[in-house]
Amino acid sequence: MEVIYNGNAVELQKKERKVGGEAPAVKVKMISGEQKVIGMMADKVQVMITLPYGNSFSKELYSIVNKHKEKANIYFFSPEAFTREVDDGFATIDFEGFCSKFGVLIDSSVCAKSAFIIDKEGEIVYIQIPKDLDDEFNLDELDTQIQAAIDFKRKGHTHENWMGV
């Protein structure tokens, strides 16, 4: 997949992820210093947002994060320190490994702007990658998709139900 970076089309590095695919597990060090393994099965929906610049975190995106942060784990990745206040336990500048595994790495200094929603079973249910690093997310769509992932109830037996846990 290509994105526009500094007016030029660049190919994103590593594996391209698809909706319906299993999210890879990634170990990252949060700004708080805590090490986390994210991207696999979890007790909450996970939203992974990559931002190419520290100032890419808009007021509108911040509003959506605050709306959903109680029912979803929302993580932020950027190569630069964030200019907006972020939860240090859910934000990192340790972006390269995550961006490489999720297929949104441009090079060792920058990543594409992207949003991945991962359901509780560890499956990617939504991806948004704006074509230009300077473009904003489709925030209405992102907000709707986060809520849909939170509200989704899997039919049939889950592993936990089958095991009688």
C-alpha atoms as a PDB file:
ATOM      1  CA  MET A   1       0.000   0.000   0.000  1.00  0.00           C
ATOM      2  CA  GLU A   2       1.191   3.526  -0.774  1.00  0.00           C
ATOM      3  CA  VAL A   3       0.735   6.770   1.153  1.00  0.00           C
ATOM      4  CA  ILE A   4       1.766  10.332   0.397  1.00  0.00           C
ATOM      5  CA  TYR A   5       4.657  11.581   2.528  1.00  0.00           C
ATOM      6  CA  ASN A   6       6.192  15.015   1.829  1.00  0.00           C
ATOM      7  CA  GLY A   7       4.409  15.097  -1.525  1.00  0.00           C
ATOM      8  CA  ASN A   8       5.801  11.737  -2.666  1.00  0.00           C
ATOM      9  CA  ALA A   9       4.138   8.332  -2.889  1.00  0.00           C
ATOM     10  CA  VAL A  10       5.938   5.855  -0.639  1.00  0.00           C
ATOM     11  CA  GLU A  11       5.345   2.134  -0.192  1.00  0.00           C
ATOM     12  CA  LEU A  12       4.562   1.040   3.367  1.00  0.00           C
ATOM     13  CA  GLN A  13       7.003  -1.527   4.713  1.00  0.00           C
ATOM     14  CA  LYS A  14       6.417  -5.068   5.907  1.00  0.00           C
ATOM     15  CA  LYS A  15       3.212  -7.084   5.947  1.00  0.00           C
ATOM     16  CA  GLU A  16      -0.087  -5.482   4.965  1.00  0.00           C
ATOM     17  CA  ARG A  17      -2.857  -6.384   7.436  1.00  0.00           C
ATOM     18  CA  LYS A  18      -6.421  -7.118   6.379  1.00  0.00           C
ATOM     19  CA  VAL A  19      -9.807  -6.969   8.083  1.00  0.00           C
ATOM     20  CA  GLY A  20     -10.650 -10.474   9.296  1.00  0.00           C
ATOM     21  CA  GLY A  21      -7.023 -11.381   9.903  1.00  0.00           C
ATOM     22  CA  GLU A  22      -5.500 -12.189  13.253  1.00  0.00           C
ATOM     23  CA  ALA A  23      -3.754  -9.255  14.906  1.00  0.00           C
ATOM     24  CA  PRO A  24      -0.102  -9.912  15.685  1.00  0.00           C
ATOM     25  CA  ALA A  25       1.060  -9.686  19.284  1.00  0.00           C
ATOM     26  CA  VAL A  26       3.539  -6.861  19.810  1.00  0.00           C
ATOM     27  CA  LYS A  27       5.637  -6.028  22.865  1.00  0.00           C
ATOM     28  CA  VAL A  28       6.009  -2.274  23.407  1.00  0.00           C
ATOM     29  CA  LYS A  29       7.365   0.024  26.070  1.00  0.00           C
ATOM     30  CA  MET A  30       4.865   2.696  27.034  1.00  0.00           C
ATOM     31  CA  ILE A  31       5.887   6.248  27.931  1.00  0.00           C
ATOM     32  CA  SER A  32       5.179   5.272  31.561  1.00  0.00           C
ATOM     33  CA  GLY A  33       8.034   2.727  31.294  1.00  0.00           C
ATOM     34  CA  GLU A  34       5.622  -0.217  31.507  1.00  0.00           C
ATOM     35  CA  GLN A  35       6.165  -3.086  29.052  1.00  0.00           C
ATOM     36  CA  LYS A  36       2.954  -4.361  27.442  1.00  0.00           C
ATOM     37  CA  VAL A  37       2.121  -7.114  24.998  1.00  0.00           C
ATOM     38  CA  ILE A  38      -0.798  -5.924  22.890  1.00  0.00           C
ATOM     39  CA  GLY A  39      -2.671  -6.974  19.776  1.00  0.00           C
ATOM     40  CA  MET A  40      -3.873 -10.415  20.782  1.00  0.00           C
ATOM     41  CA  MET A  41      -6.980 -11.602  22.630  1.00  0.00           C
ATOM     42  CA  ALA A  42      -7.927  -9.176  25.413  1.00  0.00           C
ATOM     43  CA  ASP A  43     -10.727  -8.427  27.851  1.00  0.00           C
ATOM     44  CA  LYS A  44     -11.571  -5.217  25.936  1.00  0.00           C
ATOM     45  CA  VAL A  45     -11.626  -4.090  22.328  1.00  0.00           C
ATOM     46  CA  GLN A  46      -8.244  -2.612  21.371  1.00  0.00           C
ATOM     47  CA  VAL A  47      -7.791   0.430  19.165  1.00  0.00           C
ATOM     48  CA  MET A  48      -4.291   1.019  17.813  1.00  0.00           C
ATOM     49  CA  ILE A  49      -3.651   4.491  16.423  1.00  0.00           C
ATOM     50  CA  THR A  50      -0.390   5.451  14.738  1.00  0.00           C
ATOM     51  CA  LEU A  51       0.420   9.119  14.254  1.00  0.00           C
ATOM     52  CA  PRO A  52       3.343  10.254  12.098  1.00  0.00           C
ATOM     53  CA  TYR A  53       3.966  13.435  14.091  1.00  0.00           C
ATOM     54  CA  GLY A  54       3.600  14.417  17.734  1.00  0.00           C
ATOM     55  CA  ASN A  55       1.108  17.111  16.737  1.00  0.00           C
ATOM     56  CA  SER A  56      -1.077  14.753  14.633  1.00  0.00           C
ATOM     57  CA  PHE A  57      -3.317  14.097  17.662  1.00  0.00           C
ATOM     58  CA  SER A  58      -6.238  16.438  16.890  1.00  0.00           C
ATOM     59  CA  LYS A  59      -8.759  17.790  19.382  1.00  0.00           C
ATOM     60  CA  GLU A  60     -11.503  15.833  17.610  1.00  0.00           C
ATOM     61  CA  LEU A  61      -9.591  12.540  17.824  1.00  0.00           C
ATOM     62  CA  TYR A  62      -8.906  13.270  21.497  1.00  0.00           C
ATOM     63  CA  SER A  63     -12.678  13.658  22.021  1.00  0.00           C
ATOM     64  CA  ILE A  64     -13.378  10.241  20.465  1.00  0.00           C
ATOM     65  CA  VAL A  65     -10.682   8.632  22.615  1.00  0.00           C
ATOM     66  CA  ASN A  66     -12.191  10.089  25.776  1.00  0.00           C
ATOM     67  CA  LYS A  67     -15.646   8.887  24.739  1.00  0.00           C
ATOM     68  CA  HIS A  68     -14.511   5.240  24.396  1.00  0.00           C
ATOM     69  CA  LYS A  69     -11.566   4.874  26.791  1.00  0.00           C
ATOM     70  CA  GLU A  70     -13.597   3.166  29.547  1.00  0.00           C
ATOM     71  CA  LYS A  71     -14.751   0.312  27.281  1.00  0.00           C
ATOM     72  CA  ALA A  72     -11.773   0.018  24.920  1.00  0.00           C
ATOM     73  CA  ASN A  73      -8.000   0.021  25.333  1.00  0.00           C
ATOM     74  CA  ILE A  74      -6.826   2.756  22.984  1.00  0.00           C
ATOM     75  CA  TYR A  75      -3.099   2.834  22.237  1.00  0.00           C
ATOM     76  CA  PHE A  76      -1.099   5.573  20.504  1.00  0.00           C
ATOM     77  CA  PHE A  77       2.174   5.179  18.613  1.00  0.00           C
ATOM     78  CA  SER A  78       4.304   7.995  17.236  1.00  0.00           C
ATOM     79  CA  PRO A  79       7.978   8.552  16.471  1.00  0.00           C
ATOM     80  CA  GLU A  80       7.724  11.956  18.206  1.00  0.00           C
ATOM     81  CA  ALA A  81       6.672  13.082  21.678  1.00  0.00           C
ATOM     82  CA  PHE A  82       2.962  13.944  21.763  1.00  0.00           C
ATOM     83  CA  THR A  83       2.068  17.633  21.923  1.00  0.00           C
ATOM     84  CA  ARG A  84      -1.337  16.807  23.465  1.00  0.00           C
ATOM     85  CA  GLU A  85      -1.668  15.229  26.904  1.00  0.00           C
ATOM     86  CA  VAL A  86      -1.896  11.440  26.619  1.00  0.00           C
ATOM     87  CA  ASP A  87      -2.249   8.587  29.102  1.00  0.00           C
ATOM     88  CA  ASP A  88       1.382   7.486  29.507  1.00  0.00           C
ATOM     89  CA  GLY A  89       0.227   3.885  30.035  1.00  0.00           C
ATOM     90  CA  PHE A  90      -1.385   3.792  26.572  1.00  0.00           C
ATOM     91  CA  ALA A  91       1.033   5.866  24.495  1.00  0.00           C
ATOM     92  CA  THR A  92       4.518   5.190  23.183  1.00  0.00           C
ATOM     93  CA  ILE A  93       7.228   6.557  20.956  1.00  0.00           C
ATOM     94  CA  ASP A  94       8.497   2.955  20.636  1.00  0.00           C
ATOM     95  CA  PHE A  95       6.691   2.813  17.293  1.00  0.00           C
ATOM     96  CA  GLU A  96       8.952   0.927  14.904  1.00  0.00           C
ATOM     97  CA  GLY A  97       8.233  -2.683  15.939  1.00  0.00           C
ATOM     98  CA  PHE A  98       4.482  -2.155  16.108  1.00  0.00           C
ATOM     99  CA  CYS A  99       4.325  -0.251  12.808  1.00  0.00           C
ATOM    100  CA  SER A 100       6.449  -2.881  11.108  1.00  0.00           C
ATOM    101  CA  LYS A 101       4.190  -5.752  12.253  1.00  0.00           C
ATOM    102  CA  PHE A 102       1.036  -3.846  11.301  1.00  0.00           C
ATOM    103  CA  GLY A 103       2.378  -2.783   7.893  1.00  0.00           C
ATOM    104  CA  VAL A 104       2.336   1.006   8.421  1.00  0.00           C
ATOM    105  CA  LEU A 105       6.071   1.724   8.716  1.00  0.00           C
ATOM    106  CA  ILE A 106       7.550   4.201   6.258  1.00  0.00           C
ATOM    107  CA  ASP A 107      11.093   4.165   7.660  1.00  0.00           C
ATOM    108  CA  SER A 108      12.876   4.282  11.021  1.00  0.00           C
ATOM    109  CA  SER A 109      11.816   7.900  11.561  1.00  0.00           C
ATOM    110  CA  VAL A 110       8.151   7.992  10.502  1.00  0.00           C
ATOM    111  CA  CYS A 111       5.000   5.909  10.154  1.00  0.00           C
ATOM    112  CA  ALA A 112       1.716   6.255   8.299  1.00  0.00           C
ATOM    113  CA  LYS A 113      -1.341   7.596  10.075  1.00  0.00           C
ATOM    114  CA  SER A 114      -3.542   4.584  10.822  1.00  0.00           C
ATOM    115  CA  ALA A 115      -6.235   3.147  13.061  1.00  0.00           C
ATOM    116  CA  PHE A 116      -6.763  -0.562  13.703  1.00  0.00           C
ATOM    117  CA  ILE A 117      -9.646  -1.943  15.742  1.00  0.00           C
ATOM    118  CA  ILE A 118      -9.110  -5.401  17.219  1.00  0.00           C
ATOM    119  CA  ASP A 119     -11.984  -7.317  18.789  1.00  0.00           C
ATOM    120  CA  LYS A 120     -11.741  -9.262  22.042  1.00  0.00           C
ATOM    121  CA  GLU A 121     -10.872 -12.432  20.099  1.00  0.00           C
ATOM    122  CA  GLY A 122      -7.777 -10.802  18.582  1.00  0.00           C
ATOM    123  CA  GLU A 123      -9.217 -10.323  15.079  1.00  0.00           C
ATOM    124  CA  ILE A 124      -8.770  -7.109  13.115  1.00  0.00           C
ATOM    125  CA  VAL A 125     -12.290  -5.784  12.486  1.00  0.00           C
ATOM    126  CA  TYR A 126     -11.511  -2.340  11.046  1.00  0.00           C
ATOM    127  CA  ILE A 127      -8.596  -0.532   9.418  1.00  0.00           C
ATOM    128  CA  GLN A 128      -8.301   3.096   8.369  1.00  0.00           C
ATOM    129  CA  ILE A 129      -5.155   4.467   6.712  1.00  0.00           C
ATOM    130  CA  PRO A 130      -5.503   7.967   5.232  1.00  0.00           C
ATOM    131  CA  LYS A 131      -3.760   8.255   1.850  1.00  0.00           C
ATOM    132  CA  ASP A 132      -1.753  11.328   2.919  1.00  0.00           C
ATOM    133  CA  LEU A 133       0.069  11.700   6.241  1.00  0.00           C
ATOM    134  CA  ASP A 134      -1.358  15.214   6.550  1.00  0.00           C
ATOM    135  CA  ASP A 135      -4.990  14.076   6.080  1.00  0.00           C
ATOM    136  CA  GLU A 136      -7.243  13.654   9.098  1.00  0.00           C
ATOM    137  CA  PHE A 137      -8.981  10.385   9.884  1.00  0.00           C
ATOM    138  CA  ASN A 138     -12.610   9.963   8.886  1.00  0.00           C
ATOM    139  CA  LEU A 139     -13.531  10.562  12.527  1.00  0.00           C
ATOM    140  CA  ASP A 140     -17.266   9.858  12.202  1.00  0.00           C
ATOM    141  CA  GLU A 141     -16.468   6.451  10.694  1.00  0.00           C
ATOM    142  CA  LEU A 142     -13.806   5.717  13.308  1.00  0.00           C
ATOM    143  CA  ASP A 143     -16.166   6.650  16.150  1.00  0.00           C
ATOM    144  CA  THR A 144     -18.944   4.465  14.684  1.00  0.00           C
ATOM    145  CA  GLN A 145     -16.604   1.491  14.165  1.00  0.00           C
ATOM    146  CA  ILE A 146     -15.176   1.676  17.705  1.00  0.00           C
ATOM    147  CA  GLN A 147     -18.704   1.700  19.134  1.00  0.00           C
ATOM    148  CA  ALA A 148     -19.745  -1.200  16.881  1.00  0.00           C
ATOM    149  CA  ALA A 149     -16.764  -3.270  18.049  1.00  0.00           C
ATOM    150  CA  ILE A 150     -17.577  -2.511  21.690  1.00  0.00           C
ATOM    151  CA  ASP A 151     -21.264  -3.415  21.196  1.00  0.00           C
ATOM    152  CA  PHE A 152     -20.619  -6.621  19.208  1.00  0.00           C
ATOM    153  CA  LYS A 153     -21.724  -9.808  20.960  1.00  0.00           C
ATOM    154  CA  ARG A 154     -20.383 -13.039  19.479  1.00  0.00           C
ATOM    155  CA  LYS A 155     -23.075 -15.688  18.891  1.00  0.00           C
ATOM    156  CA  GLY A 156     -22.639 -19.294  19.874  1.00  0.00           C
ATOM    157  CA  HIS A 157     -20.142 -20.716  22.292  1.00  0.00           C
ATOM    158  CA  THR A 158     -17.011 -18.898  23.262  1.00  0.00           C
ATOM    159  CA  HIS A 159     -14.003 -20.807  24.483  1.00  0.00           C
ATOM    160  CA  GLU A 160     -14.655 -19.643  28.054  1.00  0.00           C
ATOM    161  CA  ASN A 161     -18.309 -20.725  27.945  1.00  0.00           C
ATOM    162  CA  TRP A 162     -17.467 -24.113  26.498  1.00  0.00           C
ATOM    163  CA  MET A 163     -14.864 -24.728  29.176  1.00  0.00           C
ATOM    164  CA  GLY A 164     -17.339 -23.751  31.895  1.00  0.00           C
ATOM    165  CA  VAL A 165     -15.210 -20.876  33.191  1.00  0.00           C
END
